[in-house]
């Protein structure tokens, strides 16, 4: 398991916002709460850098659309039912992790594309 701080737009490490890379996928943690989980089995093939570390969703997506990144369907994403929208700061970094804004996330929750569950 590997824990890394997320980075700001200026390249600085952000306190209390983490990407956790585990054998089963990647987690976004804000403070002490797991906010989102992206399982490995739903990741597009070939999404690893030269160090064999699987890229995070936000590293893959950046400001690109799904088509620009070669994704036909949105990957399976789990969000914590209690904490996914806990605070402004959590929301900011959740949006970066997912590569979208809150309205897009809410739409995917409402449509069932994203799964709300207890991650904590």
PDB file of N, CA and C in Angstrom:
ATOM      1  N   UNK A   1       0.846  -1.173   0.000  1.00  0.00           N
ATOM      2  CA  UNK A   1       0.000   0.000   0.000  1.00  0.00           C
ATOM      3  C   UNK A   1       0.892   1.237   0.000  1.00  0.00           C
ATOM      4  N   UNK A   2       0.473   2.245  -0.752  1.00  0.00           N
ATOM      5  CA  UNK A   2       1.233   3.488  -0.837  1.00  0.00           C
ATOM      6  C   UNK A   2       0.288   4.663  -0.609  1.00  0.00           C
ATOM      7  N   UNK A   3       0.707   5.608   0.224  1.00  0.00           N
ATOM      8  CA  UNK A   3      -0.081   6.807   0.516  1.00  0.00           C
ATOM      9  C   UNK A   3       0.697   8.015   0.018  1.00  0.00           C
ATOM     10  N   UNK A   4       0.028   8.841  -0.796  1.00  0.00           N
ATOM     11  CA  UNK A   4       0.648  10.051  -1.332  1.00  0.00           C
ATOM     12  C   UNK A   4      -0.270  11.242  -1.101  1.00  0.00           C
ATOM     13  N   UNK A   5       0.316  12.375  -0.760  1.00  0.00           N
ATOM     14  CA  UNK A   5      -0.471  13.606  -0.692  1.00  0.00           C
ATOM     15  C   UNK A   5      -0.877  14.007  -2.105  1.00  0.00           C
ATOM     16  N   UNK A   6      -2.070  14.552  -2.235  1.00  0.00           N
ATOM     17  CA  UNK A   6      -2.438  15.163  -3.503  1.00  0.00           C
ATOM     18  C   UNK A   6      -1.603  16.428  -3.647  1.00  0.00           C
ATOM     19  N   UNK A   7      -1.505  16.921  -4.854  1.00  0.00           N
ATOM     20  CA  UNK A   7      -0.716  18.121  -5.090  1.00  0.00           C
ATOM     21  C   UNK A   7      -1.602  19.254  -5.580  1.00  0.00           C
ATOM     22  N   UNK A   8      -1.203  20.459  -5.235  1.00  0.00           N
ATOM     23  CA  UNK A   8      -1.937  21.652  -5.658  1.00  0.00           C
ATOM     24  C   UNK A   8      -1.604  21.968  -7.112  1.00  0.00           C
ATOM     25  N   UNK A   9      -2.312  22.936  -7.673  1.00  0.00           N
ATOM     26  CA  UNK A   9      -2.046  23.353  -9.050  1.00  0.00           C
ATOM     27  C   UNK A   9      -0.637  23.925  -9.202  1.00  0.00           C
ATOM     28  N   UNK A  10      -0.035  24.336  -8.082  1.00  0.00           N
ATOM     29  CA  UNK A  10       1.339  24.853  -8.102  1.00  0.00           C
ATOM     30  C   UNK A  10       2.373  23.753  -7.843  1.00  0.00           C
ATOM     31  N   UNK A  11       1.901  22.513  -7.679  1.00  0.00           N
ATOM     32  CA  UNK A  11       2.812  21.394  -7.476  1.00  0.00           C
ATOM     33  C   UNK A  11       3.187  21.117  -6.037  1.00  0.00           C
ATOM     34  N   UNK A  12       2.552  21.808  -5.098  1.00  0.00           N
ATOM     35  CA  UNK A  12       2.843  21.598  -3.680  1.00  0.00           C
ATOM     36  C   UNK A  12       1.974  20.484  -3.110  1.00  0.00           C
ATOM     37  N   UNK A  13       2.521  19.752  -2.136  1.00  0.00           N
ATOM     38  CA  UNK A  13       1.731  18.727  -1.459  1.00  0.00           C
ATOM     39  C   UNK A  13       0.626  19.399  -0.654  1.00  0.00           C
ATOM     40  N   UNK A  14      -0.576  18.808  -0.709  1.00  0.00           N
ATOM     41  CA  UNK A  14      -1.724  19.343   0.014  1.00  0.00           C
ATOM     42  C   UNK A  14      -1.912  18.533   1.296  1.00  0.00           C
ATOM     43  N   UNK A  15      -1.955  19.216   2.422  1.00  0.00           N
ATOM     44  CA  UNK A  15      -2.149  18.539   3.706  1.00  0.00           C
ATOM     45  C   UNK A  15      -3.534  17.906   3.779  1.00  0.00           C
ATOM     46  N   UNK A  16      -3.613  16.729   4.358  1.00  0.00           N
ATOM     47  CA  UNK A  16      -4.864  16.039   4.678  1.00  0.00           C
ATOM     48  C   UNK A  16      -5.675  15.561   3.476  1.00  0.00           C
ATOM     49  N   UNK A  17      -5.093  15.553   2.289  1.00  0.00           N
ATOM     50  CA  UNK A  17      -5.770  15.050   1.086  1.00  0.00           C
ATOM     51  C   UNK A  17      -4.850  14.003   0.464  1.00  0.00           C
ATOM     52  N   UNK A  18      -5.312  12.744   0.440  1.00  0.00           N
ATOM     53  CA  UNK A  18      -4.429  11.634   0.101  1.00  0.00           C
ATOM     54  C   UNK A  18      -4.992  10.740  -0.996  1.00  0.00           C
ATOM     55  N   UNK A  19      -4.082  10.202  -1.789  1.00  0.00           N
ATOM     56  CA  UNK A  19      -4.382   9.110  -2.704  1.00  0.00           C
ATOM     57  C   UNK A  19      -3.720   7.877  -2.100  1.00  0.00           C
ATOM     58  N   UNK A  20      -4.514   6.842  -1.870  1.00  0.00           N
ATOM     59  CA  UNK A  20      -4.004   5.588  -1.319  1.00  0.00           C
ATOM     60  C   UNK A  20      -4.079   4.546  -2.428  1.00  0.00           C
ATOM     61  N   UNK A  21      -2.934   4.002  -2.788  1.00  0.00           N
ATOM     62  CA  UNK A  21      -2.881   2.968  -3.808  1.00  0.00           C
ATOM     63  C   UNK A  21      -2.721   1.629  -3.102  1.00  0.00           C
ATOM     64  N   UNK A  22      -3.713   0.773  -3.275  1.00  0.00           N
ATOM     65  CA  UNK A  22      -3.727  -0.545  -2.644  1.00  0.00           C
ATOM     66  C   UNK A  22      -3.805  -1.612  -3.737  1.00  0.00           C
ATOM     67  N   UNK A  23      -3.707  -2.867  -3.340  1.00  0.00           N
ATOM     68  CA  UNK A  23      -3.777  -3.953  -4.317  1.00  0.00           C
ATOM     69  C   UNK A  23      -5.106  -3.985  -5.053  1.00  0.00           C
ATOM     70  N   UNK A  24      -6.189  -3.580  -4.392  1.00  0.00           N
ATOM     71  CA  UNK A  24      -7.510  -3.681  -5.001  1.00  0.00           C
ATOM     72  C   UNK A  24      -7.963  -2.416  -5.729  1.00  0.00           C
ATOM     73  N   UNK A  25      -7.194  -1.318  -5.640  1.00  0.00           N
ATOM     74  CA  UNK A  25      -7.585  -0.093  -6.333  1.00  0.00           C
ATOM     75  C   UNK A  25      -7.030   1.136  -5.650  1.00  0.00           C
ATOM     76  N   UNK A  26      -7.620   2.280  -5.979  1.00  0.00           N
ATOM     77  CA  UNK A  26      -7.176   3.537  -5.385  1.00  0.00           C
ATOM     78  C   UNK A  26      -8.299   4.195  -4.614  1.00  0.00           C
ATOM     79  N   UNK A  27      -7.900   4.795  -3.507  1.00  0.00           N
ATOM     80  CA  UNK A  27      -8.818   5.493  -2.622  1.00  0.00           C
ATOM     81  C   UNK A  27      -8.434   6.961  -2.570  1.00  0.00           C
ATOM     82  N   UNK A  28      -9.441   7.813  -2.429  1.00  0.00           N
ATOM     83  CA  UNK A  28      -9.198   9.211  -2.101  1.00  0.00           C
ATOM     84  C   UNK A  28      -9.628   9.384  -0.657  1.00  0.00           C
ATOM     85  N   UNK A  29      -8.706   9.863   0.180  1.00  0.00           N
ATOM     86  CA  UNK A  29      -8.983  10.110   1.591  1.00  0.00           C
ATOM     87  C   UNK A  29      -8.838  11.593   1.869  1.00  0.00           C
ATOM     88  N   UNK A  30      -9.836  12.163   2.553  1.00  0.00           N
ATOM     89  CA  UNK A  30      -9.793  13.551   2.998  1.00  0.00           C
ATOM     90  C   UNK A  30      -9.798  13.533   4.520  1.00  0.00           C
ATOM     91  N   UNK A  31      -8.763  14.085   5.106  1.00  0.00           N
ATOM     92  CA  UNK A  31      -8.554  14.015   6.554  1.00  0.00           C
ATOM     93  C   UNK A  31      -8.553  12.548   6.963  1.00  0.00           C
ATOM     94  N   UNK A  32      -9.465  12.100   7.799  1.00  0.00           N
ATOM     95  CA  UNK A  32      -9.455  10.702   8.252  1.00  0.00           C
ATOM     96  C   UNK A  32     -10.539   9.854   7.595  1.00  0.00           C
ATOM     97  N   UNK A  33     -11.202  10.388   6.573  1.00  0.00           N
ATOM     98  CA  UNK A  33     -12.319   9.682   5.941  1.00  0.00           C
ATOM     99  C   UNK A  33     -12.010   9.295   4.500  1.00  0.00           C
ATOM    100  N   UNK A  34     -12.358   8.051   4.156  1.00  0.00           N
ATOM    101  CA  UNK A  34     -12.280   7.612   2.767  1.00  0.00           C
ATOM    102  C   UNK A  34     -13.490   8.208   2.049  1.00  0.00           C
ATOM    103  N   UNK A  35     -13.249   8.898   0.947  1.00  0.00           N
ATOM    104  CA  UNK A  35     -14.302   9.588   0.205  1.00  0.00           C
ATOM    105  C   UNK A  35     -14.697   8.819  -1.047  1.00  0.00           C
ATOM    106  N   UNK A  36     -13.706   8.280  -1.760  1.00  0.00           N
ATOM    107  CA  UNK A  36     -13.980   7.603  -3.031  1.00  0.00           C
ATOM    108  C   UNK A  36     -13.043   6.412  -3.195  1.00  0.00           C
ATOM    109  N   UNK A  37     -13.532   5.425  -3.960  1.00  0.00           N
ATOM    110  CA  UNK A  37     -12.756   4.226  -4.258  1.00  0.00           C
ATOM    111  C   UNK A  37     -12.944   3.866  -5.726  1.00  0.00           C
ATOM    112  N   UNK A  38     -11.826   3.660  -6.423  1.00  0.00           N
ATOM    113  CA  UNK A  38     -11.820   3.249  -7.825  1.00  0.00           C
ATOM    114  C   UNK A  38     -11.130   1.897  -7.912  1.00  0.00           C
ATOM    115  N   UNK A  39     -11.908   0.793  -8.042  1.00  0.00           N
ATOM    116  CA  UNK A  39     -11.306  -0.546  -8.065  1.00  0.00           C
ATOM    117  C   UNK A  39     -10.420  -0.764  -9.289  1.00  0.00           C
ATOM    118  N   UNK A  40      -9.384  -1.556  -9.108  1.00  0.00           N
ATOM    119  CA  UNK A  40      -8.481  -1.862 -10.221  1.00  0.00           C
ATOM    120  C   UNK A  40      -9.195  -2.525 -11.384  1.00  0.00           C
ATOM    121  N   UNK A  41     -10.167  -3.403 -11.114  1.00  0.00           N
ATOM    122  CA  UNK A  41     -10.798  -4.142 -12.205  1.00  0.00           C
ATOM    123  C   UNK A  41     -11.602  -3.248 -13.140  1.00  0.00           C
ATOM    124  N   UNK A  42     -11.891  -2.014 -12.740  1.00  0.00           N
ATOM    125  CA  UNK A  42     -12.647  -1.125 -13.625  1.00  0.00           C
ATOM    126  C   UNK A  42     -11.761  -0.087 -14.307  1.00  0.00           C
ATOM    127  N   UNK A  43     -10.453  -0.195 -14.126  1.00  0.00           N
ATOM    128  CA  UNK A  43      -9.519   0.753 -14.747  1.00  0.00           C
ATOM    129  C   UNK A  43      -9.263   0.364 -16.198  1.00  0.00           C
ATOM    130  N   UNK A  44      -9.060   1.357 -17.047  1.00  0.00           N
ATOM    131  CA  UNK A  44      -8.694   1.052 -18.434  1.00  0.00           C
ATOM    132  C   UNK A  44      -7.343   0.342 -18.483  1.00  0.00           C
ATOM    133  N   UNK A  45      -7.152  -0.516 -19.459  1.00  0.00           N
ATOM    134  CA  UNK A  45      -5.880  -1.228 -19.605  1.00  0.00           C
ATOM    135  C   UNK A  45      -4.765  -0.245 -19.935  1.00  0.00           C
ATOM    136  N   UNK A  46      -3.567  -0.536 -19.476  1.00  0.00           N
ATOM    137  CA  UNK A  46      -2.405   0.266 -19.818  1.00  0.00           C
ATOM    138  C   UNK A  46      -2.268   1.556 -19.043  1.00  0.00           C
ATOM    139  N   UNK A  47      -2.976   1.701 -17.947  1.00  0.00           N
ATOM    140  CA  UNK A  47      -2.918   2.936 -17.176  1.00  0.00           C
ATOM    141  C   UNK A  47      -1.891   2.822 -16.056  1.00  0.00           C
ATOM    142  N   UNK A  48      -0.634   2.704 -16.431  1.00  0.00           N
ATOM    143  CA  UNK A  48       0.453   2.688 -15.443  1.00  0.00           C
ATOM    144  C   UNK A  48       1.620   3.471 -16.017  1.00  0.00           C
ATOM    145  N   UNK A  49       2.360   4.113 -15.153  1.00  0.00           N
ATOM    146  CA  UNK A  49       3.530   4.850 -15.630  1.00  0.00           C
ATOM    147  C   UNK A  49       4.753   3.927 -15.607  1.00  0.00           C
ATOM    148  N   UNK A  50       5.915   4.444 -15.930  1.00  0.00           N
ATOM    149  CA  UNK A  50       7.122   3.634 -16.035  1.00  0.00           C
ATOM    150  C   UNK A  50       7.534   2.950 -14.746  1.00  0.00           C
ATOM    151  N   UNK A  51       7.094   3.454 -13.603  1.00  0.00           N
ATOM    152  CA  UNK A  51       7.454   2.834 -12.331  1.00  0.00           C
ATOM    153  C   UNK A  51       6.479   1.726 -11.948  1.00  0.00           C
ATOM    154  N   UNK A  52       5.541   1.442 -12.824  1.00  0.00           N
ATOM    155  CA  UNK A  52       4.504   0.426 -12.609  1.00  0.00           C
ATOM    156  C   UNK A  52       3.509   0.820 -11.531  1.00  0.00           C
ATOM    157  N   UNK A  53       3.519   2.089 -11.155  1.00  0.00           N
ATOM    158  CA  UNK A  53       2.507   2.581 -10.222  1.00  0.00           C
ATOM    159  C   UNK A  53       1.272   2.909 -11.044  1.00  0.00           C
ATOM    160  N   UNK A  54       0.147   2.369 -10.662  1.00  0.00           N
ATOM    161  CA  UNK A  54      -1.081   2.669 -11.371  1.00  0.00           C
ATOM    162  C   UNK A  54      -1.402   4.143 -11.212  1.00  0.00           C
ATOM    163  N   UNK A  55      -1.750   4.788 -12.297  1.00  0.00           N
ATOM    164  CA  UNK A  55      -2.072   6.213 -12.239  1.00  0.00           C
ATOM    165  C   UNK A  55      -3.403   6.432 -11.530  1.00  0.00           C
ATOM    166  N   UNK A  56      -3.495   7.569 -10.862  1.00  0.00           N
ATOM    167  CA  UNK A  56      -4.758   7.939 -10.247  1.00  0.00           C
ATOM    168  C   UNK A  56      -5.708   8.435 -11.311  1.00  0.00           C
ATOM    169  N   UNK A  57      -6.979   8.432 -10.973  1.00  0.00           N
ATOM    170  CA  UNK A  57      -7.996   8.892 -11.908  1.00  0.00           C
ATOM    171  C   UNK A  57      -7.712  10.316 -12.344  1.00  0.00           C
ATOM    172  N   UNK A  58      -7.362  11.182 -11.403  1.00  0.00           N
ATOM    173  CA  UNK A  58      -7.132  12.573 -11.791  1.00  0.00           C
ATOM    174  C   UNK A  58      -5.865  12.739 -12.617  1.00  0.00           C
ATOM    175  N   UNK A  59      -4.886  11.848 -12.474  1.00  0.00           N
ATOM    176  CA  UNK A  59      -3.696  11.907 -13.330  1.00  0.00           C
ATOM    177  C   UNK A  59      -4.042  11.512 -14.762  1.00  0.00           C
ATOM    178  N   UNK A  60      -4.961  10.572 -14.899  1.00  0.00           N
ATOM    179  CA  UNK A  60      -5.378  10.121 -16.223  1.00  0.00           C
ATOM    180  C   UNK A  60      -6.255  11.177 -16.887  1.00  0.00           C
ATOM    181  N   UNK A  61      -7.221  11.669 -16.152  1.00  0.00           N
ATOM    182  CA  UNK A  61      -8.226  12.552 -16.723  1.00  0.00           C
ATOM    183  C   UNK A  61      -7.741  13.984 -16.886  1.00  0.00           C
ATOM    184  N   UNK A  62      -7.121  14.532 -15.848  1.00  0.00           N
ATOM    185  CA  UNK A  62      -6.750  15.941 -15.906  1.00  0.00           C
ATOM    186  C   UNK A  62      -7.965  16.770 -16.264  1.00  0.00           C
ATOM    187  N   UNK A  63      -7.848  17.636 -17.238  1.00  0.00           N
ATOM    188  CA  UNK A  63      -8.979  18.444 -17.696  1.00  0.00           C
ATOM    189  C   UNK A  63      -9.584  17.895 -18.974  1.00  0.00           C
ATOM    190  N   UNK A  64      -9.298  16.644 -19.288  1.00  0.00           N
ATOM    191  CA  UNK A  64      -9.767  16.048 -20.533  1.00  0.00           C
ATOM    192  C   UNK A  64     -11.136  15.408 -20.367  1.00  0.00           C
ATOM    193  N   UNK A  65     -11.809  15.221 -21.491  1.00  0.00           N
ATOM    194  CA  UNK A  65     -13.075  14.494 -21.488  1.00  0.00           C
ATOM    195  C   UNK A  65     -12.781  12.994 -21.488  1.00  0.00           C
ATOM    196  N   UNK A  66     -13.824  12.194 -21.259  1.00  0.00           N
ATOM    197  CA  UNK A  66     -13.662  10.739 -21.290  1.00  0.00           C
ATOM    198  C   UNK A  66     -13.140  10.274 -22.643  1.00  0.00           C
ATOM    199  N   UNK A  67     -13.691  10.841 -23.731  1.00  0.00           N
ATOM    200  CA  UNK A  67     -13.259  10.436 -25.069  1.00  0.00           C
ATOM    201  C   UNK A  67     -11.791  10.769 -25.299  1.00  0.00           C
ATOM    202  N   UNK A  68     -11.366  11.947 -24.831  1.00  0.00           N
ATOM    203  CA  UNK A  68      -9.963  12.347 -24.992  1.00  0.00           C
ATOM    204  C   UNK A  68      -9.024  11.363 -24.303  1.00  0.00           C
ATOM    205  N   UNK A  69      -9.500  10.717 -23.251  1.00  0.00           N
ATOM    206  CA  UNK A  69      -8.670   9.771 -22.492  1.00  0.00           C
ATOM    207  C   UNK A  69      -8.857   8.334 -22.957  1.00  0.00           C
ATOM    208  N   UNK A  70      -9.678   8.117 -23.980  1.00  0.00           N
ATOM    209  CA  UNK A  70      -9.879   6.779 -24.506  1.00  0.00           C
ATOM    210  C   UNK A  70     -10.794   5.914 -23.661  1.00  0.00           C
ATOM    211  N   UNK A  71     -11.646   6.537 -22.852  1.00  0.00           N
ATOM    212  CA  UNK A  71     -12.585   5.772 -22.026  1.00  0.00           C
ATOM    213  C   UNK A  71     -13.963   5.817 -22.671  1.00  0.00           C
ATOM    214  N   UNK A  72     -14.508   4.655 -22.999  1.00  0.00           N
ATOM    215  CA  UNK A  72     -15.833   4.597 -23.604  1.00  0.00           C
ATOM    216  C   UNK A  72     -16.924   4.690 -22.552  1.00  0.00           C
ATOM    217  N   UNK A  73     -16.730   4.025 -21.452  1.00  0.00           N
ATOM    218  CA  UNK A  73     -17.704   4.019 -20.366  1.00  0.00           C
ATOM    219  C   UNK A  73     -17.027   4.499 -19.099  1.00  0.00           C
ATOM    220  N   UNK A  74     -17.803   5.113 -18.252  1.00  0.00           N
ATOM    221  CA  UNK A  74     -17.233   5.596 -17.002  1.00  0.00           C
ATOM    222  C   UNK A  74     -16.874   4.406 -16.125  1.00  0.00           C
ATOM    223  N   UNK A  75     -15.711   4.427 -15.493  1.00  0.00           N
ATOM    224  CA  UNK A  75     -15.323   3.312 -14.628  1.00  0.00           C
ATOM    225  C   UNK A  75     -16.194   3.243 -13.375  1.00  0.00           C
ATOM    226  N   UNK A  76     -16.228   2.075 -12.796  1.00  0.00           N
ATOM    227  CA  UNK A  76     -16.967   1.855 -11.551  1.00  0.00           C
ATOM    228  C   UNK A  76     -16.311   2.664 -10.436  1.00  0.00           C
ATOM    229  N   UNK A  77     -17.080   3.534  -9.818  1.00  0.00           N
ATOM    230  CA  UNK A  77     -16.580   4.385  -8.737  1.00  0.00           C
ATOM    231  C   UNK A  77     -17.523   4.243  -7.547  1.00  0.00           C
ATOM    232  N   UNK A  78     -16.956   4.101  -6.361  1.00  0.00           N
ATOM    233  CA  UNK A  78     -17.727   4.071  -5.124  1.00  0.00           C
ATOM    234  C   UNK A  78     -17.456   5.358  -4.361  1.00  0.00           C
ATOM    235  N   UNK A  79     -18.509   5.950  -3.811  1.00  0.00           N
ATOM    236  CA  UNK A  79     -18.382   7.142  -2.975  1.00  0.00           C
ATOM    237  C   UNK A  79     -18.958   6.845  -1.605  1.00  0.00           C
ATOM    238  N   UNK A  80     -18.348   7.402  -0.573  1.00  0.00           N
ATOM    239  CA  UNK A  80     -18.885   7.204   0.766  1.00  0.00           C
ATOM    240  C   UNK A  80     -20.206   7.940   0.901  1.00  0.00           C
ATOM    241  N   UNK A  81     -21.224   7.222   1.355  1.00  0.00           N
ATOM    242  CA  UNK A  81     -22.568   7.787   1.433  1.00  0.00           C
ATOM    243  C   UNK A  81     -22.677   8.942   2.415  1.00  0.00           C
ATOM    244  N   UNK A  82     -21.823   8.998   3.413  1.00  0.00           N
ATOM    245  CA  UNK A  82     -21.872  10.063   4.419  1.00  0.00           C
ATOM    246  C   UNK A  82     -20.930  11.213   4.090  1.00  0.00           C
ATOM    247  N   UNK A  83     -19.726  10.900   3.649  1.00  0.00           N
ATOM    248  CA  UNK A  83     -18.680  11.918   3.549  1.00  0.00           C
ATOM    249  C   UNK A  83     -18.352  12.398   2.139  1.00  0.00           C
ATOM    250  N   UNK A  84     -19.007  11.880   1.107  1.00  0.00           N
ATOM    251  CA  UNK A  84     -18.620  12.250  -0.257  1.00  0.00           C
ATOM    252  C   UNK A  84     -18.736  13.757  -0.494  1.00  0.00           C
ATOM    253  N   UNK A  85     -19.628  14.428   0.247  1.00  0.00           N
ATOM    254  CA  UNK A  85     -19.825  15.871   0.080  1.00  0.00           C
ATOM    255  C   UNK A  85     -19.734  16.569   1.431  1.00  0.00           C
ATOM    256  N   UNK A  86     -18.743  16.198   2.214  1.00  0.00           N
ATOM    257  CA  UNK A  86     -18.649  16.634   3.608  1.00  0.00           C
ATOM    258  C   UNK A  86     -18.297  18.105   3.775  1.00  0.00           C
ATOM    259  N   UNK A  87     -17.378  18.622   2.976  1.00  0.00           N
ATOM    260  CA  UNK A  87     -16.944  20.011   3.132  1.00  0.00           C
ATOM    261  C   UNK A  87     -16.483  20.572   1.795  1.00  0.00           C
ATOM    262  N   UNK A  88     -16.262  21.869   1.770  1.00  0.00           N
ATOM    263  CA  UNK A  88     -15.786  22.529   0.554  1.00  0.00           C
ATOM    264  C   UNK A  88     -14.415  21.978   0.142  1.00  0.00           C
ATOM    265  N   UNK A  89     -13.531  21.796   1.122  1.00  0.00           N
ATOM    266  CA  UNK A  89     -12.192  21.278   0.818  1.00  0.00           C
ATOM    267  C   UNK A  89     -12.264  19.846   0.308  1.00  0.00           C
ATOM    268  N   UNK A  90     -13.044  19.004   0.980  1.00  0.00           N
ATOM    269  CA  UNK A  90     -13.221  17.627   0.520  1.00  0.00           C
ATOM    270  C   UNK A  90     -13.761  17.631  -0.902  1.00  0.00           C
ATOM    271  N   UNK A  91     -14.750  18.479  -1.159  1.00  0.00           N
ATOM    272  CA  UNK A  91     -15.344  18.565  -2.493  1.00  0.00           C
ATOM    273  C   UNK A  91     -14.346  18.987  -3.555  1.00  0.00           C
ATOM    274  N   UNK A  92     -13.517  19.938  -3.234  1.00  0.00           N
ATOM    275  CA  UNK A  92     -12.511  20.422  -4.196  1.00  0.00           C
ATOM    276  C   UNK A  92     -11.593  19.287  -4.635  1.00  0.00           C
ATOM    277  N   UNK A  93     -11.093  18.523  -3.681  1.00  0.00           N
ATOM    278  CA  UNK A  93     -10.146  17.458  -4.021  1.00  0.00           C
ATOM    279  C   UNK A  93     -10.849  16.199  -4.520  1.00  0.00           C
ATOM    280  N   UNK A  94     -12.085  15.973  -4.116  1.00  0.00           N
ATOM    281  CA  UNK A  94     -12.880  14.890  -4.718  1.00  0.00           C
ATOM    282  C   UNK A  94     -13.063  15.187  -6.203  1.00  0.00           C
ATOM    283  N   UNK A  95     -13.380  16.441  -6.527  1.00  0.00           N
ATOM    284  CA  UNK A  95     -13.554  16.822  -7.929  1.00  0.00           C
ATOM    285  C   UNK A  95     -12.281  16.583  -8.731  1.00  0.00           C
ATOM    286  N   UNK A  96     -11.142  16.895  -8.141  1.00  0.00           N
ATOM    287  CA  UNK A  96      -9.867  16.660  -8.823  1.00  0.00           C
ATOM    288  C   UNK A  96      -9.645  15.162  -9.010  1.00  0.00           C
ATOM    289  N   UNK A  97      -9.898  14.372  -7.970  1.00  0.00           N
ATOM    290  CA  UNK A  97      -9.728  12.921  -8.053  1.00  0.00           C
ATOM    291  C   UNK A  97     -10.614  12.330  -9.148  1.00  0.00           C
ATOM    292  N   UNK A  98     -11.859  12.801  -9.228  1.00  0.00           N
ATOM    293  CA  UNK A  98     -12.798  12.264 -10.209  1.00  0.00           C
ATOM    294  C   UNK A  98     -12.692  12.937 -11.570  1.00  0.00           C
ATOM    295  N   UNK A  99     -12.075  14.107 -11.636  1.00  0.00           N
ATOM    296  CA  UNK A  99     -11.955  14.816 -12.904  1.00  0.00           C
ATOM    297  C   UNK A  99     -13.244  15.453 -13.366  1.00  0.00           C
ATOM    298  N   UNK A 100     -14.041  15.930 -12.424  1.00  0.00           N
ATOM    299  CA  UNK A 100     -15.330  16.537 -12.767  1.00  0.00           C
ATOM    300  C   UNK A 100     -15.773  17.475 -11.663  1.00  0.00           C
ATOM    301  N   UNK A 101     -16.920  18.150 -11.869  1.00  0.00           N
ATOM    302  CA  UNK A 101     -17.447  19.044 -10.835  1.00  0.00           C
ATOM    303  C   UNK A 101     -18.550  18.347 -10.036  1.00  0.00           C
ATOM    304  N   UNK A 102     -19.025  19.008  -8.987  1.00  0.00           N
ATOM    305  CA  UNK A 102     -20.025  18.410  -8.092  1.00  0.00           C
ATOM    306  C   UNK A 102     -21.317  18.076  -8.822  1.00  0.00           C
ATOM    307  N   UNK A 103     -21.754  18.942  -9.722  1.00  0.00           N
ATOM    308  CA  UNK A 103     -23.005  18.686 -10.449  1.00  0.00           C
ATOM    309  C   UNK A 103     -22.899  17.408 -11.277  1.00  0.00           C
ATOM    310  N   UNK A 104     -21.751  17.190 -11.906  1.00  0.00           N
ATOM    311  CA  UNK A 104     -21.549  15.969 -12.685  1.00  0.00           C
ATOM    312  C   UNK A 104     -21.535  14.744 -11.776  1.00  0.00           C
ATOM    313  N   UNK A 105     -20.892  14.870 -10.622  1.00  0.00           N
ATOM    314  CA  UNK A 105     -20.871  13.770  -9.655  1.00  0.00           C
ATOM    315  C   UNK A 105     -22.282  13.456  -9.182  1.00  0.00           C
ATOM    316  N   UNK A 106     -23.046  14.480  -8.831  1.00  0.00           N
ATOM    317  CA  UNK A 106     -24.419  14.274  -8.357  1.00  0.00           C
ATOM    318  C   UNK A 106     -25.272  13.594  -9.428  1.00  0.00           C
ATOM    319  N   UNK A 107     -25.107  13.997 -10.665  1.00  0.00           N
ATOM    320  CA  UNK A 107     -25.858  13.387 -11.766  1.00  0.00           C
ATOM    321  C   UNK A 107     -25.534  11.896 -11.877  1.00  0.00           C
ATOM    322  N   UNK A 108     -24.270  11.545 -11.703  1.00  0.00           N
ATOM    323  CA  UNK A 108     -23.865  10.143 -11.796  1.00  0.00           C
ATOM    324  C   UNK A 108     -24.334   9.337 -10.587  1.00  0.00           C
ATOM    325  N   UNK A 109     -24.424   9.975  -9.438  1.00  0.00           N
ATOM    326  CA  UNK A 109     -25.009   9.312  -8.269  1.00  0.00           C
ATOM    327  C   UNK A 109     -26.486   9.047  -8.537  1.00  0.00           C
ATOM    328  N   UNK A 110     -27.186  10.074  -9.012  1.00  0.00           N
ATOM    329  CA  UNK A 110     -28.627   9.961  -9.266  1.00  0.00           C
ATOM    330  C   UNK A 110     -28.950   8.907 -10.322  1.00  0.00           C
ATOM    331  N   UNK A 111     -28.078   8.764 -11.317  1.00  0.00           N
ATOM    332  CA  UNK A 111     -28.323   7.803 -12.401  1.00  0.00           C
ATOM    333  C   UNK A 111     -27.870   6.386 -12.041  1.00  0.00           C
ATOM    334  N   UNK A 112     -27.144   6.250 -10.927  1.00  0.00           N
ATOM    335  CA  UNK A 112     -26.645   4.943 -10.531  1.00  0.00           C
ATOM    336  C   UNK A 112     -25.274   4.603 -11.098  1.00  0.00           C
ATOM    337  N   UNK A 113     -24.675   5.529 -11.862  1.00  0.00           N
ATOM    338  CA  UNK A 113     -23.324   5.283 -12.384  1.00  0.00           C
ATOM    339  C   UNK A 113     -22.310   5.189 -11.251  1.00  0.00           C
ATOM    340  N   UNK A 114     -22.475   6.014 -10.232  1.00  0.00           N
ATOM    341  CA  UNK A 114     -21.635   5.959  -9.045  1.00  0.00           C
ATOM    342  C   UNK A 114     -22.424   5.264  -7.945  1.00  0.00           C
ATOM    343  N   UNK A 115     -21.736   4.511  -7.139  1.00  0.00           N
ATOM    344  CA  UNK A 115     -22.369   3.721  -6.091  1.00  0.00           C
ATOM    345  C   UNK A 115     -22.068   4.357  -4.739  1.00  0.00           C
ATOM    346  N   UNK A 116     -23.127   4.740  -4.015  1.00  0.00           N
ATOM    347  CA  UNK A 116     -22.965   5.250  -2.654  1.00  0.00           C
ATOM    348  C   UNK A 116     -22.942   4.069  -1.696  1.00  0.00           C
ATOM    349  N   UNK A 117     -21.946   4.037  -0.831  1.00  0.00           N
ATOM    350  CA  UNK A 117     -21.802   2.940   0.119  1.00  0.00           C
ATOM    351  C   UNK A 117     -21.013   3.430   1.327  1.00  0.00           C
ATOM    352  N   UNK A 118     -20.902   2.587   2.334  1.00  0.00           N
ATOM    353  CA  UNK A 118     -20.130   2.927   3.529  1.00  0.00           C
ATOM    354  C   UNK A 118     -18.674   2.530   3.299  1.00  0.00           C
ATOM    355  N   UNK A 119     -17.802   3.512   3.118  1.00  0.00           N
ATOM    356  CA  UNK A 119     -16.374   3.254   2.913  1.00  0.00           C
ATOM    357  C   UNK A 119     -15.561   3.438   4.187  1.00  0.00           C
ATOM    358  N   UNK A 120     -16.231   3.792   5.287  1.00  0.00           N
ATOM    359  CA  UNK A 120     -15.504   4.072   6.531  1.00  0.00           C
ATOM    360  C   UNK A 120     -15.932   3.160   7.672  1.00  0.00           C
TER     361      UNK A 120
END
